[in-house]
């Protein structure tokens, strides 16, 4: 459990950003799904399922971009020292 707490503390801003994105995405998805299906239950199911998967994907997408930025900064520093 301490690994989860440490990861949450280290990624607090990103997790908050992911959470707010998740809520917006649920609202948009529910409106679109209802407009397409006309079915309240189908729209609620779709609006919870798809954004949940997207939120997880978004978190790892952000982590990959962070890692790429650090790698790029490290390579630029190595080139300046050479």
PDB file of N, CA and C in Angstrom:
ATOM      1  N   UNK A   1       0.814  -1.191   0.000  1.00  0.00           N
ATOM      2  CA  UNK A   1       0.000   0.000   0.000  1.00  0.00           C
ATOM      3  C   UNK A   1       0.860   1.258   0.000  1.00  0.00           C
ATOM      4  N   UNK A   2       2.032   1.186   0.596  1.00  0.00           N
ATOM      5  CA  UNK A   2       2.890   2.370   0.636  1.00  0.00           C
ATOM      6  C   UNK A   2       3.364   2.768  -0.757  1.00  0.00           C
ATOM      7  N   UNK A   3       3.488   1.788  -1.663  1.00  0.00           N
ATOM      8  CA  UNK A   3       3.875   2.107  -3.040  1.00  0.00           C
ATOM      9  C   UNK A   3       2.793   2.940  -3.711  1.00  0.00           C
ATOM     10  N   UNK A   4       1.548   2.604  -3.447  1.00  0.00           N
ATOM     11  CA  UNK A   4       0.428   3.339  -4.040  1.00  0.00           C
ATOM     12  C   UNK A   4       0.381   4.757  -3.487  1.00  0.00           C
ATOM     13  N   UNK A   5       0.562   4.897  -2.177  1.00  0.00           N
ATOM     14  CA  UNK A   5       0.548   6.232  -1.560  1.00  0.00           C
ATOM     15  C   UNK A   5       1.692   7.089  -2.086  1.00  0.00           C
ATOM     16  N   UNK A   6       2.870   6.498  -2.201  1.00  0.00           N
ATOM     17  CA  UNK A   6       4.020   7.250  -2.702  1.00  0.00           C
ATOM     18  C   UNK A   6       3.788   7.669  -4.156  1.00  0.00           C
ATOM     19  N   UNK A   7       3.278   6.759  -4.965  1.00  0.00           N
ATOM     20  CA  UNK A   7       2.989   7.079  -6.370  1.00  0.00           C
ATOM     21  C   UNK A   7       1.934   8.176  -6.461  1.00  0.00           C
ATOM     22  N   UNK A   8       0.923   8.121  -5.593  1.00  0.00           N
ATOM     23  CA  UNK A   8      -0.125   9.142  -5.599  1.00  0.00           C
ATOM     24  C   UNK A   8       0.440  10.502  -5.206  1.00  0.00           C
ATOM     25  N   UNK A   9       1.314  10.531  -4.195  1.00  0.00           N
ATOM     26  CA  UNK A   9       1.928  11.803  -3.782  1.00  0.00           C
ATOM     27  C   UNK A   9       2.816  12.373  -4.881  1.00  0.00           C
ATOM     28  N   UNK A  10       3.597  11.514  -5.512  1.00  0.00           N
ATOM     29  CA  UNK A  10       4.520  11.966  -6.547  1.00  0.00           C
ATOM     30  C   UNK A  10       3.794  12.450  -7.800  1.00  0.00           C
ATOM     31  N   UNK A  11       2.592  11.962  -8.025  1.00  0.00           N
ATOM     32  CA  UNK A  11       1.847  12.294  -9.238  1.00  0.00           C
ATOM     33  C   UNK A  11       0.548  13.034  -8.927  1.00  0.00           C
ATOM     34  N   UNK A  12       0.515  13.771  -7.822  1.00  0.00           N
ATOM     35  CA  UNK A  12      -0.717  14.414  -7.361  1.00  0.00           C
ATOM     36  C   UNK A  12      -1.322  15.321  -8.424  1.00  0.00           C
ATOM     37  N   UNK A  13      -0.528  16.204  -9.000  1.00  0.00           N
ATOM     38  CA  UNK A  13      -1.050  17.136  -9.998  1.00  0.00           C
ATOM     39  C   UNK A  13      -1.575  16.390 -11.219  1.00  0.00           C
ATOM     40  N   UNK A  14      -0.810  15.419 -11.682  1.00  0.00           N
ATOM     41  CA  UNK A  14      -1.237  14.674 -12.859  1.00  0.00           C
ATOM     42  C   UNK A  14      -2.516  13.882 -12.573  1.00  0.00           C
ATOM     43  N   UNK A  15      -2.634  13.310 -11.372  1.00  0.00           N
ATOM     44  CA  UNK A  15      -3.844  12.576 -11.021  1.00  0.00           C
ATOM     45  C   UNK A  15      -5.047  13.514 -10.915  1.00  0.00           C
ATOM     46  N   UNK A  16      -4.853  14.717 -10.388  1.00  0.00           N
ATOM     47  CA  UNK A  16      -5.937  15.692 -10.325  1.00  0.00           C
ATOM     48  C   UNK A  16      -6.361  16.115 -11.738  1.00  0.00           C
ATOM     49  N   UNK A  17      -5.392  16.336 -12.593  1.00  0.00           N
ATOM     50  CA  UNK A  17      -5.684  16.688 -13.987  1.00  0.00           C
ATOM     51  C   UNK A  17      -6.431  15.550 -14.674  1.00  0.00           C
ATOM     52  N   UNK A  18      -5.997  14.324 -14.440  1.00  0.00           N
ATOM     53  CA  UNK A  18      -6.660  13.161 -15.018  1.00  0.00           C
ATOM     54  C   UNK A  18      -8.092  13.058 -14.498  1.00  0.00           C
ATOM     55  N   UNK A  19      -8.306  13.308 -13.218  1.00  0.00           N
ATOM     56  CA  UNK A  19      -9.644  13.247 -12.641  1.00  0.00           C
ATOM     57  C   UNK A  19     -10.589  14.291 -13.213  1.00  0.00           C
ATOM     58  N   UNK A  20     -10.104  15.513 -13.378  1.00  0.00           N
ATOM     59  CA  UNK A  20     -10.968  16.550 -13.947  1.00  0.00           C
ATOM     60  C   UNK A  20     -11.286  16.246 -15.407  1.00  0.00           C
ATOM     61  N   UNK A  21     -10.304  15.741 -16.130  1.00  0.00           N
ATOM     62  CA  UNK A  21     -10.526  15.342 -17.520  1.00  0.00           C
ATOM     63  C   UNK A  21     -11.568  14.218 -17.574  1.00  0.00           C
ATOM     64  N   UNK A  22     -11.492  13.294 -16.643  1.00  0.00           N
ATOM     65  CA  UNK A  22     -12.421  12.165 -16.561  1.00  0.00           C
ATOM     66  C   UNK A  22     -13.861  12.659 -16.390  1.00  0.00           C
ATOM     67  N   UNK A  23     -14.068  13.598 -15.481  1.00  0.00           N
ATOM     68  CA  UNK A  23     -15.417  14.118 -15.249  1.00  0.00           C
ATOM     69  C   UNK A  23     -15.979  14.830 -16.472  1.00  0.00           C
ATOM     70  N   UNK A  24     -15.162  15.644 -17.120  1.00  0.00           N
ATOM     71  CA  UNK A  24     -15.600  16.325 -18.339  1.00  0.00           C
ATOM     72  C   UNK A  24     -15.928  15.300 -19.415  1.00  0.00           C
ATOM     73  N   UNK A  25     -15.082  14.309 -19.543  1.00  0.00           N
ATOM     74  CA  UNK A  25     -15.275  13.289 -20.569  1.00  0.00           C
ATOM     75  C   UNK A  25     -16.570  12.513 -20.333  1.00  0.00           C
ATOM     76  N   UNK A  26     -16.899  12.195 -19.086  1.00  0.00           N
ATOM     77  CA  UNK A  26     -18.145  11.486 -18.776  1.00  0.00           C
ATOM     78  C   UNK A  26     -19.348  12.309 -19.212  1.00  0.00           C
ATOM     79  N   UNK A  27     -19.325  13.591 -18.915  1.00  0.00           N
ATOM     80  CA  UNK A  27     -20.452  14.452 -19.293  1.00  0.00           C
ATOM     81  C   UNK A  27     -20.624  14.515 -20.806  1.00  0.00           C
ATOM     82  N   UNK A  28     -19.542  14.735 -21.508  1.00  0.00           N
ATOM     83  CA  UNK A  28     -19.609  14.803 -22.972  1.00  0.00           C
ATOM     84  C   UNK A  28     -20.046  13.464 -23.550  1.00  0.00           C
ATOM     85  N   UNK A  29     -19.467  12.386 -23.053  1.00  0.00           N
ATOM     86  CA  UNK A  29     -19.815  11.055 -23.557  1.00  0.00           C
ATOM     87  C   UNK A  29     -21.286  10.740 -23.303  1.00  0.00           C
ATOM     88  N   UNK A  30     -21.820  11.115 -22.159  1.00  0.00           N
ATOM     89  CA  UNK A  30     -23.224  10.851 -21.848  1.00  0.00           C
ATOM     90  C   UNK A  30     -24.140  11.609 -22.804  1.00  0.00           C
ATOM     91  N   UNK A  31     -23.820  12.859 -23.068  1.00  0.00           N
ATOM     92  CA  UNK A  31     -24.628  13.656 -23.993  1.00  0.00           C
ATOM     93  C   UNK A  31     -24.591  13.089 -25.408  1.00  0.00           C
ATOM     94  N   UNK A  32     -23.402  12.727 -25.861  1.00  0.00           N
ATOM     95  CA  UNK A  32     -23.267  12.177 -27.212  1.00  0.00           C
ATOM     96  C   UNK A  32     -23.966  10.825 -27.307  1.00  0.00           C
ATOM     97  N   UNK A  33     -23.751   9.959 -26.331  1.00  0.00           N
ATOM     98  CA  UNK A  33     -24.374   8.633 -26.356  1.00  0.00           C
ATOM     99  C   UNK A  33     -25.890   8.740 -26.315  1.00  0.00           C
ATOM    100  N   UNK A  34     -26.420   9.659 -25.531  1.00  0.00           N
ATOM    101  CA  UNK A  34     -27.871   9.831 -25.471  1.00  0.00           C
ATOM    102  C   UNK A  34     -28.400  10.375 -26.793  1.00  0.00           C
ATOM    103  N   UNK A  35     -27.679  11.320 -27.397  1.00  0.00           N
ATOM    104  CA  UNK A  35     -28.096  11.871 -28.694  1.00  0.00           C
ATOM    105  C   UNK A  35     -28.126  10.787 -29.772  1.00  0.00           C
ATOM    106  N   UNK A  36     -27.186   9.860 -29.700  1.00  0.00           N
ATOM    107  CA  UNK A  36     -27.105   8.800 -30.708  1.00  0.00           C
ATOM    108  C   UNK A  36     -28.121   7.687 -30.429  1.00  0.00           C
ATOM    109  N   UNK A  37     -28.223   7.254 -29.159  1.00  0.00           N
ATOM    110  CA  UNK A  37     -29.060   6.086 -28.848  1.00  0.00           C
ATOM    111  C   UNK A  37     -30.480   6.446 -28.438  1.00  0.00           C
ATOM    112  N   UNK A  38     -30.650   7.604 -27.806  1.00  0.00           N
ATOM    113  CA  UNK A  38     -31.955   7.961 -27.256  1.00  0.00           C
ATOM    114  C   UNK A  38     -32.319   7.117 -26.044  1.00  0.00           C
ATOM    115  N   UNK A  39     -31.348   6.351 -25.538  1.00  0.00           N
ATOM    116  CA  UNK A  39     -31.583   5.439 -24.424  1.00  0.00           C
ATOM    117  C   UNK A  39     -30.738   5.898 -23.239  1.00  0.00           C
ATOM    118  N   UNK A  40     -31.418   6.236 -22.138  1.00  0.00           N
ATOM    119  CA  UNK A  40     -30.713   6.755 -20.959  1.00  0.00           C
ATOM    120  C   UNK A  40     -29.739   5.736 -20.378  1.00  0.00           C
ATOM    121  N   UNK A  41     -30.167   4.474 -20.220  1.00  0.00           N
ATOM    122  CA  UNK A  41     -29.296   3.453 -19.620  1.00  0.00           C
ATOM    123  C   UNK A  41     -28.091   3.155 -20.496  1.00  0.00           C
ATOM    124  N   UNK A  42     -28.290   3.068 -21.789  1.00  0.00           N
ATOM    125  CA  UNK A  42     -27.169   2.819 -22.703  1.00  0.00           C
ATOM    126  C   UNK A  42     -26.192   3.993 -22.659  1.00  0.00           C
ATOM    127  N   UNK A  43     -26.721   5.209 -22.631  1.00  0.00           N
ATOM    128  CA  UNK A  43     -25.833   6.378 -22.602  1.00  0.00           C
ATOM    129  C   UNK A  43     -25.036   6.441 -21.307  1.00  0.00           C
ATOM    130  N   UNK A  44     -25.665   6.099 -20.178  1.00  0.00           N
ATOM    131  CA  UNK A  44     -24.938   6.095 -18.901  1.00  0.00           C
ATOM    132  C   UNK A  44     -23.863   5.012 -18.876  1.00  0.00           C
ATOM    133  N   UNK A  45     -24.196   3.841 -19.377  1.00  0.00           N
ATOM    134  CA  UNK A  45     -23.215   2.747 -19.417  1.00  0.00           C
ATOM    135  C   UNK A  45     -22.025   3.123 -20.290  1.00  0.00           C
ATOM    136  N   UNK A  46     -22.310   3.605 -21.487  1.00  0.00           N
ATOM    137  CA  UNK A  46     -21.223   4.005 -22.397  1.00  0.00           C
ATOM    138  C   UNK A  46     -20.412   5.164 -21.820  1.00  0.00           C
ATOM    139  N   UNK A  47     -21.094   6.110 -21.188  1.00  0.00           N
ATOM    140  CA  UNK A  47     -20.393   7.296 -20.688  1.00  0.00           C
ATOM    141  C   UNK A  47     -19.499   6.976 -19.497  1.00  0.00           C
ATOM    142  N   UNK A  48     -19.743   5.890 -18.807  1.00  0.00           N
ATOM    143  CA  UNK A  48     -18.861   5.492 -17.700  1.00  0.00           C
ATOM    144  C   UNK A  48     -17.747   4.566 -18.161  1.00  0.00           C
ATOM    145  N   UNK A  49     -18.040   3.692 -19.081  1.00  0.00           N
ATOM    146  CA  UNK A  49     -17.051   2.716 -19.534  1.00  0.00           C
ATOM    147  C   UNK A  49     -15.926   3.361 -20.354  1.00  0.00           C
ATOM    148  N   UNK A  50     -16.278   4.050 -21.396  1.00  0.00           N
ATOM    149  CA  UNK A  50     -15.274   4.593 -22.313  1.00  0.00           C
ATOM    150  C   UNK A  50     -14.355   5.624 -21.643  1.00  0.00           C
ATOM    151  N   UNK A  51     -14.887   6.614 -20.896  1.00  0.00           N
ATOM    152  CA  UNK A  51     -13.986   7.566 -20.239  1.00  0.00           C
ATOM    153  C   UNK A  51     -13.074   6.942 -19.182  1.00  0.00           C
ATOM    154  N   UNK A  52     -13.533   5.874 -18.544  1.00  0.00           N
ATOM    155  CA  UNK A  52     -12.686   5.199 -17.556  1.00  0.00           C
ATOM    156  C   UNK A  52     -11.448   4.626 -18.233  1.00  0.00           C
ATOM    157  N   UNK A  53     -11.650   3.965 -19.351  1.00  0.00           N
ATOM    158  CA  UNK A  53     -10.516   3.427 -20.107  1.00  0.00           C
ATOM    159  C   UNK A  53      -9.636   4.571 -20.616  1.00  0.00           C
ATOM    160  N   UNK A  54     -10.252   5.649 -21.108  1.00  0.00           N
ATOM    161  CA  UNK A  54      -9.498   6.795 -21.602  1.00  0.00           C
ATOM    162  C   UNK A  54      -8.669   7.464 -20.493  1.00  0.00           C
ATOM    163  N   UNK A  55      -9.228   7.552 -19.289  1.00  0.00           N
ATOM    164  CA  UNK A  55      -8.503   8.188 -18.181  1.00  0.00           C
ATOM    165  C   UNK A  55      -7.241   7.418 -17.835  1.00  0.00           C
ATOM    166  N   UNK A  56      -7.336   6.109 -17.815  1.00  0.00           N
ATOM    167  CA  UNK A  56      -6.152   5.282 -17.540  1.00  0.00           C
ATOM    168  C   UNK A  56      -5.125   5.459 -18.658  1.00  0.00           C
ATOM    169  N   UNK A  57      -5.597   5.431 -19.896  1.00  0.00           N
ATOM    170  CA  UNK A  57      -4.695   5.620 -21.039  1.00  0.00           C
ATOM    171  C   UNK A  57      -4.052   7.005 -20.989  1.00  0.00           C
ATOM    172  N   UNK A  58      -4.827   8.033 -20.625  1.00  0.00           N
ATOM    173  CA  UNK A  58      -4.297   9.400 -20.534  1.00  0.00           C
ATOM    174  C   UNK A  58      -3.177   9.498 -19.511  1.00  0.00           C
ATOM    175  N   UNK A  59      -3.358   8.869 -18.349  1.00  0.00           N
ATOM    176  CA  UNK A  59      -2.332   8.907 -17.307  1.00  0.00           C
ATOM    177  C   UNK A  59      -1.012   8.351 -17.828  1.00  0.00           C
ATOM    178  N   UNK A  60      -1.070   7.187 -18.471  1.00  0.00           N
ATOM    179  CA  UNK A  60       0.158   6.577 -18.984  1.00  0.00           C
ATOM    180  C   UNK A  60       0.716   7.344 -20.183  1.00  0.00           C
ATOM    181  N   UNK A  61      -0.141   7.970 -20.952  1.00  0.00           N
ATOM    182  CA  UNK A  61       0.299   8.831 -22.056  1.00  0.00           C
ATOM    183  C   UNK A  61       1.117  10.006 -21.514  1.00  0.00           C
ATOM    184  N   UNK A  62       0.609  10.643 -20.456  1.00  0.00           N
ATOM    185  CA  UNK A  62       1.329  11.758 -19.830  1.00  0.00           C
ATOM    186  C   UNK A  62       2.673  11.302 -19.254  1.00  0.00           C
ATOM    187  N   UNK A  63       2.681  10.124 -18.620  1.00  0.00           N
ATOM    188  CA  UNK A  63       3.932   9.598 -18.061  1.00  0.00           C
ATOM    189  C   UNK A  63       4.955   9.355 -19.170  1.00  0.00           C
ATOM    190  N   UNK A  64       4.517   8.839 -20.313  1.00  0.00           N
ATOM    191  CA  UNK A  64       5.427   8.596 -21.434  1.00  0.00           C
ATOM    192  C   UNK A  64       5.994   9.913 -21.961  1.00  0.00           C
ATOM    193  N   UNK A  65       5.162  10.936 -22.071  1.00  0.00           N
ATOM    194  CA  UNK A  65       5.650  12.233 -22.536  1.00  0.00           C
ATOM    195  C   UNK A  65       6.631  12.849 -21.538  1.00  0.00           C
ATOM    196  N   UNK A  66       6.367  12.684 -20.242  1.00  0.00           N
ATOM    197  CA  UNK A  66       7.299  13.169 -19.214  1.00  0.00           C
ATOM    198  C   UNK A  66       8.653  12.479 -19.352  1.00  0.00           C
ATOM    199  N   UNK A  67       8.626  11.177 -19.527  1.00  0.00           N
ATOM    200  CA  UNK A  67       9.859  10.395 -19.676  1.00  0.00           C
ATOM    201  C   UNK A  67      10.623  10.836 -20.929  1.00  0.00           C
ATOM    202  N   UNK A  68       9.910  11.060 -22.012  1.00  0.00           N
ATOM    203  CA  UNK A  68      10.552  11.506 -23.258  1.00  0.00           C
ATOM    204  C   UNK A  68      11.186  12.882 -23.073  1.00  0.00           C
ATOM    205  N   UNK A  69      10.508  13.770 -22.363  1.00  0.00           N
ATOM    206  CA  UNK A  69      11.052  15.107 -22.117  1.00  0.00           C
ATOM    207  C   UNK A  69      12.318  15.037 -21.266  1.00  0.00           C
ATOM    208  N   UNK A  70      12.318  14.170 -20.236  1.00  0.00           N
ATOM    209  CA  UNK A  70      13.523  14.018 -19.409  1.00  0.00           C
ATOM    210  C   UNK A  70      14.676  13.452 -20.228  1.00  0.00           C
ATOM    211  N   UNK A  71      14.364  12.474 -21.075  1.00  0.00           N
ATOM    212  CA  UNK A  71      15.396  11.863 -21.917  1.00  0.00           C
ATOM    213  C   UNK A  71      15.974  12.904 -22.877  1.00  0.00           C
ATOM    214  N   UNK A  72      15.098  13.707 -23.457  1.00  0.00           N
ATOM    215  CA  UNK A  72      15.537  14.754 -24.385  1.00  0.00           C
ATOM    216  C   UNK A  72      16.411  15.782 -23.669  1.00  0.00           C
ATOM    217  N   UNK A  73      16.012  16.175 -22.446  1.00  0.00           N
ATOM    218  CA  UNK A  73      16.798  17.133 -21.681  1.00  0.00           C
ATOM    219  C   UNK A  73      18.152  16.535 -21.317  1.00  0.00           C
ATOM    220  N   UNK A  74      18.186  15.252 -20.979  1.00  0.00           N
ATOM    221  CA  UNK A  74      19.455  14.582 -20.659  1.00  0.00           C
ATOM    222  C   UNK A  74      20.370  14.520 -21.853  1.00  0.00           C
ATOM    223  N   UNK A  75      19.827  14.211 -23.021  1.00  0.00           N
ATOM    224  CA  UNK A  75      20.639  14.170 -24.242  1.00  0.00           C
ATOM    225  C   UNK A  75      21.163  15.538 -24.618  1.00  0.00           C
ATOM    226  N   UNK A  76      20.373  16.585 -24.438  1.00  0.00           N
ATOM    227  CA  UNK A  76      20.814  17.935 -24.751  1.00  0.00           C
ATOM    228  C   UNK A  76      21.942  18.357 -23.811  1.00  0.00           C
ATOM    229  N   UNK A  77      21.843  17.973 -22.517  1.00  0.00           N
ATOM    230  CA  UNK A  77      22.893  18.300 -21.564  1.00  0.00           C
ATOM    231  C   UNK A  77      24.187  17.558 -21.882  1.00  0.00           C
ATOM    232  N   UNK A  78      24.075  16.327 -22.327  1.00  0.00           N
ATOM    233  CA  UNK A  78      25.260  15.532 -22.681  1.00  0.00           C
ATOM    234  C   UNK A  78      25.954  16.127 -23.898  1.00  0.00           C
ATOM    235  N   UNK A  79      25.179  16.634 -24.842  1.00  0.00           N
ATOM    236  CA  UNK A  79      25.773  17.234 -26.033  1.00  0.00           C
ATOM    237  C   UNK A  79      26.501  18.535 -25.699  1.00  0.00           C
ATOM    238  N   UNK A  80      25.964  19.293 -24.736  1.00  0.00           N
ATOM    239  CA  UNK A  80      26.609  20.551 -24.354  1.00  0.00           C
ATOM    240  C   UNK A  80      27.914  20.291 -23.605  1.00  0.00           C
ATOM    241  N   UNK A  81      27.988  19.208 -22.878  1.00  0.00           N
ATOM    242  CA  UNK A  81      29.195  18.891 -22.103  1.00  0.00           C
ATOM    243  C   UNK A  81      30.280  18.259 -22.964  1.00  0.00           C
ATOM    244  N   UNK A  82      29.927  17.813 -24.153  1.00  0.00           N
ATOM    245  CA  UNK A  82      30.912  17.133 -25.011  1.00  0.00           C
ATOM    246  C   UNK A  82      31.832  18.094 -25.703  1.00  0.00           C
TER     247      UNK A  82
END
